[in-house]
């Protein structure tokens, strides 16, 4: 190679290196600026997505509560929920005052919504989706709640049974997701209780309502179930519900489920006093003993092997 060319190469190389070094800080700064801009854009999109979801969730809740209120106050289809329930000779039927728990359920769901809209750590990582899985499930429960009430008031009991079973399953699924998220995020106990307790209250009462709906449907379709058979069925089903309450308390530390079952069993027993004093007393005693066993501090009285 010609010495002059070598000299030019040697001269140009430092110049190019200098140019690259001179460009590097500005290029890096531009990249950082672009990344920050993209991050801000993503955060803005995420906030907008959450806001849209929050609005949808609250609309669903308001629609559910409003329709329930309308159905009772203005007697949708000419009757009330409790009025239809007491038209048939069904022994698995709580006293009328027990249905006041619906008010507590709707308040509890509002508390759950507030917690979810403010905190909702599991809503992260949903990308550009408008709805998170929990949000979608909650909206579905509201839709099925309205559908069940409309079908019940229309006296379409078989379809209403299918709807309430789906509603119960969706609510339990939402409950399970919430418990799993709180465990994974190590949520403080008080806040965690605010997350799952309203859903447990709702799901527990829906479980009782599903059994009632099934009893009612069987009574209508069969043309009448004997009182002896109904008495056996009431005792067996309440026993199973109390057993489930015991397992929920022991395995999941869920104390809400047992309270709802006790409330329901007590109301059924009091209602039965009008039909059969012996049966009513038996159910009330079963509720009291079952509740005692559910909340007895078994861990403090473990057997010691000698």
Foldseek 3Di string as FASTA:
>chain_A
DDPVVVVVVVVVVVVVVVVCVVVVVVVVVVVVVVVVVVVVVQVVLLVVLLVLLLVLLVVLLCVLVVLLVCCAPVVVLNHHLVRLLPPFPALLDFAPVLVVCVVVLSVLVVLLSVLCSVPVPVSPPPGNDSDDPLSVLSSLLSVLSSVLRNCVSVVVLVVSLVSLVVSLVSLVVSLVVLLVVCVVVVPDPVSSCSNRLSSLLVSLVSVSVSVSSVRVVCCVVVVHDDPVVSLVVSVVVLVVQLVVLLCCCVPVVRNNNLVSSLSSQLRSLVVCCVVPVVSSVVSNVVSVVSSCNSPPPVVVPDDDDD
